[in-house]
Amino acid sequence: VSASAVEVSGNVALGSDYFFRGYDQSAGAALSGGFDVAAENGVYAGAWGSSVDGGTSSGGLELDYYVGYGGSLTESVSYDIGYIFYGYPNDTENNFEEVYGSVSYADATLGFATSSDWYAGTGSYDYIYAEYGVALSEEYSLGFHYGTSTGAEDYDDYAVSLSTEAAGLGLDLSWISTSTAEGAYADNEFVLTISKSL
C-alpha cells in the first residue's frame, strides 16, 4: 500500500520454533507478525511481535519497535542504520535497546548491533554478523549466516536457510546451531517457517 511517497507493508509468520541469534525464545511453535512504514527518502519505522515461552517472558509476548534509515551508495552497495527497542510487556525489567547497522554488497551483508545494557540488565553486549545469499534457481534460494556475541553473552551462532514460495506463501527451512550448543542454545536444530506478506 502506498500513499504520498510512503509505503506501508506487513507480515505474519508461523514457525516451528523461534530462535534469536541461536537462542530458543519460544521452546516450540511461535506466531509472529509486524508492519513497516517506509518513506522514499530512506527513513522507516515499524513494529514486530512474537509469542515467546515463559522463560523469555512470563507474559508470553515480545513486542519490538524500531526506526532507521537505509539507502544505496551504488547499484551494488547499500547500507542501513537504526535503533530498536525490545519489549516484554509483562516483564519490563527484561526490556533492552540496541543500535544496529549494516553494509551490503551484492548478495553479501556485514552488520552489527550494540547495547549498553542488554536483556534483563545483563550489561554491555555487541553482536557482529555476516550473511550471504545465493539463488539456486528461479524458485529456490540459499542463505548463510554467521554471528558472534560478546559481552553479556559470548558465543557464535550459525544458520543455513533454504527458501522458496508456494501459493503466495513464503517457505523457509533453516538449520541453526551455536558454539555453546546446550540448554536453550541451538544444537543442530531445524526450523520450518511459513510466512505471508501483506
C-alpha atoms as a PDB file:
ATOM      1  CA  VAL A   1       0.000   0.000   0.000  1.00  0.00           C
ATOM      2  CA  SER A   2       1.449   3.408  -0.895  1.00  0.00           C
ATOM      3  CA  ALA A   3       0.355   6.999  -0.487  1.00  0.00           C
ATOM      4  CA  SER A   4       2.218  10.303  -0.754  1.00  0.00           C
ATOM      5  CA  ALA A   5       5.668   8.667  -1.074  1.00  0.00           C
ATOM      6  CA  VAL A   6       5.046   6.477   1.997  1.00  0.00           C
ATOM      7  CA  GLU A   7       4.734   2.702   1.745  1.00  0.00           C
ATOM      8  CA  VAL A   8       3.095   0.521   4.376  1.00  0.00           C
ATOM      9  CA  SER A   9       3.725  -3.223   4.457  1.00  0.00           C
ATOM     10  CA  GLY A  10       3.013  -6.059   6.846  1.00  0.00           C
ATOM     11  CA  ASN A  11       3.878  -9.665   7.513  1.00  0.00           C
ATOM     12  CA  VAL A  12       2.711 -12.639   9.528  1.00  0.00           C
ATOM     13  CA  ALA A  13       4.518 -15.923  10.144  1.00  0.00           C
ATOM     14  CA  LEU A  14       4.127 -19.266  11.879  1.00  0.00           C
ATOM     15  CA  GLY A  15       7.310 -21.085  12.794  1.00  0.00           C
ATOM     16  CA  SER A  16       8.010 -24.461  14.351  1.00  0.00           C
ATOM     17  CA  ASP A  17      10.305 -22.523  16.732  1.00  0.00           C
ATOM     18  CA  TYR A  18      11.704 -19.001  17.268  1.00  0.00           C
ATOM     19  CA  PHE A  19      15.459 -18.629  17.656  1.00  0.00           C
ATOM     20  CA  PHE A  20      17.065 -15.220  18.227  1.00  0.00           C
ATOM     21  CA  ARG A  21      20.761 -15.321  17.397  1.00  0.00           C
ATOM     22  CA  GLY A  22      20.741 -19.027  18.061  1.00  0.00           C
ATOM     23  CA  TYR A  23      18.879 -18.823  21.383  1.00  0.00           C
ATOM     24  CA  ASP A  24      15.482 -20.520  21.687  1.00  0.00           C
ATOM     25  CA  GLN A  25      12.865 -17.892  22.557  1.00  0.00           C
ATOM     26  CA  SER A  26       9.689 -19.970  22.267  1.00  0.00           C
ATOM     27  CA  ALA A  27      10.557 -23.610  23.098  1.00  0.00           C
ATOM     28  CA  GLY A  28       8.178 -24.651  20.322  1.00  0.00           C
ATOM     29  CA  ALA A  29       5.873 -23.136  17.724  1.00  0.00           C
ATOM     30  CA  ALA A  30       5.719 -19.337  17.520  1.00  0.00           C
ATOM     31  CA  LEU A  31       3.301 -16.944  15.854  1.00  0.00           C
ATOM     32  CA  SER A  32       4.732 -13.580  14.821  1.00  0.00           C
ATOM     33  CA  GLY A  33       3.831 -10.534  12.769  1.00  0.00           C
ATOM     34  CA  GLY A  34       4.610  -6.905  12.159  1.00  0.00           C
ATOM     35  CA  PHE A  35       4.301  -3.872   9.960  1.00  0.00           C
ATOM     36  CA  ASP A  36       6.621  -1.256   8.462  1.00  0.00           C
ATOM     37  CA  VAL A  37       6.186   2.301   7.254  1.00  0.00           C
ATOM     38  CA  ALA A  38       8.861   3.468   4.801  1.00  0.00           C
ATOM     39  CA  ALA A  39       9.380   6.857   3.163  1.00  0.00           C
ATOM     40  CA  GLU A  40      11.019   7.489  -0.205  1.00  0.00           C
ATOM     41  CA  ASN A  41      13.920   9.298   1.471  1.00  0.00           C
ATOM     42  CA  GLY A  42      15.016   6.064   3.202  1.00  0.00           C
ATOM     43  CA  VAL A  43      13.558   6.660   6.665  1.00  0.00           C
ATOM     44  CA  TYR A  44      11.490   3.777   8.048  1.00  0.00           C
ATOM     45  CA  ALA A  45       9.789   2.677  11.254  1.00  0.00           C
ATOM     46  CA  GLY A  46       7.991  -0.432  12.335  1.00  0.00           C
ATOM     47  CA  ALA A  47       6.824  -2.835  14.984  1.00  0.00           C
ATOM     48  CA  TRP A  48       7.096  -6.607  15.326  1.00  0.00           C
ATOM     49  CA  GLY A  49       5.752  -9.066  17.849  1.00  0.00           C
ATOM     50  CA  SER A  50       6.046 -12.765  18.611  1.00  0.00           C
ATOM     51  CA  SER A  51       4.838 -15.333  21.073  1.00  0.00           C
ATOM     52  CA  VAL A  52       7.626 -16.485  23.413  1.00  0.00           C
ATOM     53  CA  ASP A  53       7.981 -19.024  26.192  1.00  0.00           C
ATOM     54  CA  GLY A  54       7.722 -18.331  29.901  1.00  0.00           C
ATOM     55  CA  GLY A  55      11.479 -18.361  30.311  1.00  0.00           C
ATOM     56  CA  THR A  56      11.842 -15.403  27.956  1.00  0.00           C
ATOM     57  CA  SER A  57       8.836 -13.529  29.368  1.00  0.00           C
ATOM     58  CA  SER A  58       6.176 -14.712  31.818  1.00  0.00           C
ATOM     59  CA  GLY A  59       3.564 -12.926  29.708  1.00  0.00           C
ATOM     60  CA  GLY A  60       4.461 -14.980  26.650  1.00  0.00           C
ATOM     61  CA  LEU A  61       4.863 -11.916  24.416  1.00  0.00           C
ATOM     62  CA  GLU A  62       7.685  -9.934  22.833  1.00  0.00           C
ATOM     63  CA  LEU A  63       6.965  -6.550  21.199  1.00  0.00           C
ATOM     64  CA  ASP A  64       9.719  -4.695  19.341  1.00  0.00           C
ATOM     65  CA  TYR A  65       9.752  -1.172  17.880  1.00  0.00           C
ATOM     66  CA  TYR A  66      12.365   0.249  15.557  1.00  0.00           C
ATOM     67  CA  VAL A  67      13.281   3.244  13.412  1.00  0.00           C
ATOM     68  CA  GLY A  68      16.076   3.527  10.894  1.00  0.00           C
ATOM     69  CA  TYR A  69      17.495   4.881   7.691  1.00  0.00           C
ATOM     70  CA  GLY A  70      18.654   2.960   4.642  1.00  0.00           C
ATOM     71  CA  GLY A  71      19.998   3.858   1.244  1.00  0.00           C
ATOM     72  CA  SER A  72      22.349   2.975  -1.589  1.00  0.00           C
ATOM     73  CA  LEU A  73      25.854   4.212  -2.336  1.00  0.00           C
ATOM     74  CA  THR A  74      25.992   2.496  -5.733  1.00  0.00           C
ATOM     75  CA  GLU A  75      23.902  -0.061  -7.623  1.00  0.00           C
ATOM     76  CA  SER A  76      25.682  -2.822  -5.681  1.00  0.00           C
ATOM     77  CA  VAL A  77      26.354  -1.213  -2.292  1.00  0.00           C
ATOM     78  CA  SER A  78      23.632  -0.362   0.242  1.00  0.00           C
ATOM     79  CA  TYR A  79      23.548   0.491   3.942  1.00  0.00           C
ATOM     80  CA  ASP A  80      21.157   0.513   6.889  1.00  0.00           C
ATOM     81  CA  ILE A  81      21.389   2.028  10.367  1.00  0.00           C
ATOM     82  CA  GLY A  82      18.818   2.235  13.136  1.00  0.00           C
ATOM     83  CA  TYR A  83      17.571   1.839  16.688  1.00  0.00           C
ATOM     84  CA  ILE A  84      15.434  -0.999  18.075  1.00  0.00           C
ATOM     85  CA  PHE A  85      13.607  -1.430  21.374  1.00  0.00           C
ATOM     86  CA  TYR A  86      12.935  -4.999  22.516  1.00  0.00           C
ATOM     87  CA  GLY A  87       9.940  -5.043  24.827  1.00  0.00           C
ATOM     88  CA  TYR A  88       8.384  -7.647  27.115  1.00  0.00           C
ATOM     89  CA  PRO A  89       5.096  -6.091  28.346  1.00  0.00           C
ATOM     90  CA  ASN A  90       4.706  -8.367  31.358  1.00  0.00           C
ATOM     91  CA  ASP A  91       8.393  -8.330  32.341  1.00  0.00           C
ATOM     92  CA  THR A  92       9.584  -4.789  31.654  1.00  0.00           C
ATOM     93  CA  GLU A  93      12.802  -5.414  33.596  1.00  0.00           C
ATOM     94  CA  ASN A  94      13.862  -7.563  30.627  1.00  0.00           C
ATOM     95  CA  ASN A  95      13.462  -4.699  28.118  1.00  0.00           C
ATOM     96  CA  PHE A  96      16.553  -3.546  26.269  1.00  0.00           C
ATOM     97  CA  GLU A  97      17.685  -1.372  23.356  1.00  0.00           C
ATOM     98  CA  GLU A  98      20.171  -1.771  20.517  1.00  0.00           C
ATOM     99  CA  VAL A  99      21.718   0.421  17.860  1.00  0.00           C
ATOM    100  CA  TYR A 100      22.341  -1.518  14.657  1.00  0.00           C
ATOM    101  CA  GLY A 101      23.872  -1.063  11.236  1.00  0.00           C
ATOM    102  CA  SER A 102      24.885  -2.989   8.133  1.00  0.00           C
ATOM    103  CA  VAL A 103      26.535  -2.642   4.740  1.00  0.00           C
ATOM    104  CA  SER A 104      25.604  -4.891   1.823  1.00  0.00           C
ATOM    105  CA  TYR A 105      27.488  -5.565  -1.384  1.00  0.00           C
ATOM    106  CA  ALA A 106      25.528  -7.542  -3.976  1.00  0.00           C
ATOM    107  CA  ASP A 107      24.343 -10.653  -2.061  1.00  0.00           C
ATOM    108  CA  ALA A 108      26.670 -10.270   0.954  1.00  0.00           C
ATOM    109  CA  THR A 109      25.962  -8.326   4.174  1.00  0.00           C
ATOM    110  CA  LEU A 110      28.161  -7.380   7.130  1.00  0.00           C
ATOM    111  CA  GLY A 111      26.391  -5.928  10.159  1.00  0.00           C
ATOM    112  CA  PHE A 112      26.489  -5.164  13.874  1.00  0.00           C
ATOM    113  CA  ALA A 113      24.264  -4.462  16.875  1.00  0.00           C
ATOM    114  CA  THR A 114      25.331  -2.978  20.200  1.00  0.00           C
ATOM    115  CA  SER A 115      23.686  -2.366  23.564  1.00  0.00           C
ATOM    116  CA  SER A 116      24.973  -0.631  26.711  1.00  0.00           C
ATOM    117  CA  ASP A 117      22.603  -2.668  28.916  1.00  0.00           C
ATOM    118  CA  TRP A 118      21.290  -5.838  27.295  1.00  0.00           C
ATOM    119  CA  TYR A 119      18.432  -8.242  28.111  1.00  0.00           C
ATOM    120  CA  ALA A 120      17.367  -8.227  31.779  1.00  0.00           C
ATOM    121  CA  GLY A 121      20.075  -5.734  32.735  1.00  0.00           C
ATOM    122  CA  THR A 122      22.923  -8.148  31.980  1.00  0.00           C
ATOM    123  CA  GLY A 123      25.351  -5.417  30.859  1.00  0.00           C
ATOM    124  CA  SER A 124      27.006  -4.314  27.640  1.00  0.00           C
ATOM    125  CA  TYR A 125      26.640  -6.506  24.564  1.00  0.00           C
ATOM    126  CA  ASP A 126      27.957  -6.489  20.993  1.00  0.00           C
ATOM    127  CA  TYR A 127      26.943  -8.581  18.005  1.00  0.00           C
ATOM    128  CA  ILE A 128      28.680  -8.847  14.634  1.00  0.00           C
ATOM    129  CA  TYR A 129      27.332 -10.936  11.780  1.00  0.00           C
ATOM    130  CA  ALA A 130      27.901 -11.828   8.136  1.00  0.00           C
ATOM    131  CA  GLU A 131      25.328 -13.141   5.681  1.00  0.00           C
ATOM    132  CA  TYR A 132      25.405 -14.333   2.091  1.00  0.00           C
ATOM    133  CA  GLY A 133      22.554 -15.340  -0.194  1.00  0.00           C
ATOM    134  CA  VAL A 134      22.634 -17.252  -3.458  1.00  0.00           C
ATOM    135  CA  ALA A 135      19.872 -18.116  -5.926  1.00  0.00           C
ATOM    136  CA  LEU A 136      19.785 -21.835  -6.661  1.00  0.00           C
ATOM    137  CA  SER A 137      17.093 -21.401  -9.311  1.00  0.00           C
ATOM    138  CA  GLU A 138      14.133 -19.142 -10.040  1.00  0.00           C
ATOM    139  CA  GLU A 139      12.215 -20.921  -7.267  1.00  0.00           C
ATOM    140  CA  TYR A 140      14.818 -21.577  -4.573  1.00  0.00           C
ATOM    141  CA  SER A 141      17.455 -19.562  -2.711  1.00  0.00           C
ATOM    142  CA  LEU A 142      20.038 -20.467  -0.093  1.00  0.00           C
ATOM    143  CA  GLY A 143      21.154 -18.179   2.732  1.00  0.00           C
ATOM    144  CA  PHE A 144      24.200 -18.462   5.005  1.00  0.00           C
ATOM    145  CA  HIS A 145      24.584 -16.692   8.366  1.00  0.00           C
ATOM    146  CA  TYR A 146      27.358 -16.410  10.932  1.00  0.00           C
ATOM    147  CA  GLY A 147      27.171 -14.235  14.055  1.00  0.00           C
ATOM    148  CA  THR A 148      29.257 -13.704  17.157  1.00  0.00           C
ATOM    149  CA  SER A 149      28.091 -12.287  20.502  1.00  0.00           C
ATOM    150  CA  THR A 150      30.418 -10.724  23.070  1.00  0.00           C
ATOM    151  CA  GLY A 151      29.863  -9.050  26.430  1.00  0.00           C
ATOM    152  CA  ALA A 152      26.701 -10.108  28.229  1.00  0.00           C
ATOM    153  CA  GLU A 153      26.781 -13.212  26.028  1.00  0.00           C
ATOM    154  CA  ASP A 154      29.861 -14.888  24.500  1.00  0.00           C
ATOM    155  CA  TYR A 155      29.153 -17.440  21.772  1.00  0.00           C
ATOM    156  CA  ASP A 156      28.820 -17.876  17.990  1.00  0.00           C
ATOM    157  CA  ASP A 157      25.696 -18.761  16.041  1.00  0.00           C
ATOM    158  CA  TYR A 158      25.319 -20.274  12.582  1.00  0.00           C
ATOM    159  CA  ALA A 159      22.437 -20.807  10.185  1.00  0.00           C
ATOM    160  CA  VAL A 160      21.757 -22.102   6.679  1.00  0.00           C
ATOM    161  CA  SER A 161      18.318 -21.453   5.184  1.00  0.00           C
ATOM    162  CA  LEU A 162      16.562 -22.810   2.105  1.00  0.00           C
ATOM    163  CA  SER A 163      13.736 -20.541   0.931  1.00  0.00           C
ATOM    164  CA  THR A 164      11.012 -20.718  -1.700  1.00  0.00           C
ATOM    165  CA  GLU A 165       7.429 -19.570  -2.348  1.00  0.00           C
ATOM    166  CA  ALA A 166       4.242 -21.532  -2.990  1.00  0.00           C
ATOM    167  CA  ALA A 167       0.603 -20.477  -3.181  1.00  0.00           C
ATOM    168  CA  GLY A 168       1.523 -16.942  -2.169  1.00  0.00           C
ATOM    169  CA  LEU A 169       3.324 -18.096   0.978  1.00  0.00           C
ATOM    170  CA  GLY A 170       6.995 -17.912   1.877  1.00  0.00           C
ATOM    171  CA  LEU A 171       8.509 -21.221   2.985  1.00  0.00           C
ATOM    172  CA  ASP A 172      11.793 -21.304   4.863  1.00  0.00           C
ATOM    173  CA  LEU A 173      13.646 -24.340   6.222  1.00  0.00           C
ATOM    174  CA  SER A 174      16.607 -23.396   8.435  1.00  0.00           C
ATOM    175  CA  TRP A 175      19.401 -25.281  10.154  1.00  0.00           C
ATOM    176  CA  ILE A 176      20.531 -23.388  13.273  1.00  0.00           C
ATOM    177  CA  SER A 177      23.340 -24.135  15.709  1.00  0.00           C
ATOM    178  CA  THR A 178      25.668 -22.398  18.180  1.00  0.00           C
ATOM    179  CA  SER A 179      29.129 -22.833  19.638  1.00  0.00           C
ATOM    180  CA  THR A 180      27.548 -23.260  23.092  1.00  0.00           C
ATOM    181  CA  ALA A 181      25.048 -25.917  21.965  1.00  0.00           C
ATOM    182  CA  GLU A 182      23.498 -26.511  25.396  1.00  0.00           C
ATOM    183  CA  GLY A 183      20.348 -25.517  27.248  1.00  0.00           C
ATOM    184  CA  ALA A 184      18.298 -23.099  25.131  1.00  0.00           C
ATOM    185  CA  TYR A 185      21.198 -22.520  22.725  1.00  0.00           C
ATOM    186  CA  ALA A 186      20.651 -24.207  19.363  1.00  0.00           C
ATOM    187  CA  ASP A 187      22.349 -27.539  18.817  1.00  0.00           C
ATOM    188  CA  ASN A 188      21.788 -28.595  15.204  1.00  0.00           C
ATOM    189  CA  GLU A 189      18.132 -27.518  15.180  1.00  0.00           C
ATOM    190  CA  PHE A 190      15.827 -27.404  12.158  1.00  0.00           C
ATOM    191  CA  VAL A 191      13.069 -24.798  11.947  1.00  0.00           C
ATOM    192  CA  LEU A 192      10.274 -24.530   9.368  1.00  0.00           C
ATOM    193  CA  THR A 193       8.640 -21.125   8.927  1.00  0.00           C
ATOM    194  CA  ILE A 194       5.595 -20.271   6.810  1.00  0.00           C
ATOM    195  CA  SER A 195       5.114 -16.544   6.165  1.00  0.00           C
ATOM    196  CA  LYS A 196       2.790 -14.194   4.318  1.00  0.00           C
ATOM    197  CA  SER A 197       3.496 -10.644   3.186  1.00  0.00           C
ATOM    198  CA  LEU A 198       0.549  -8.252   3.492  1.00  0.00           C
END
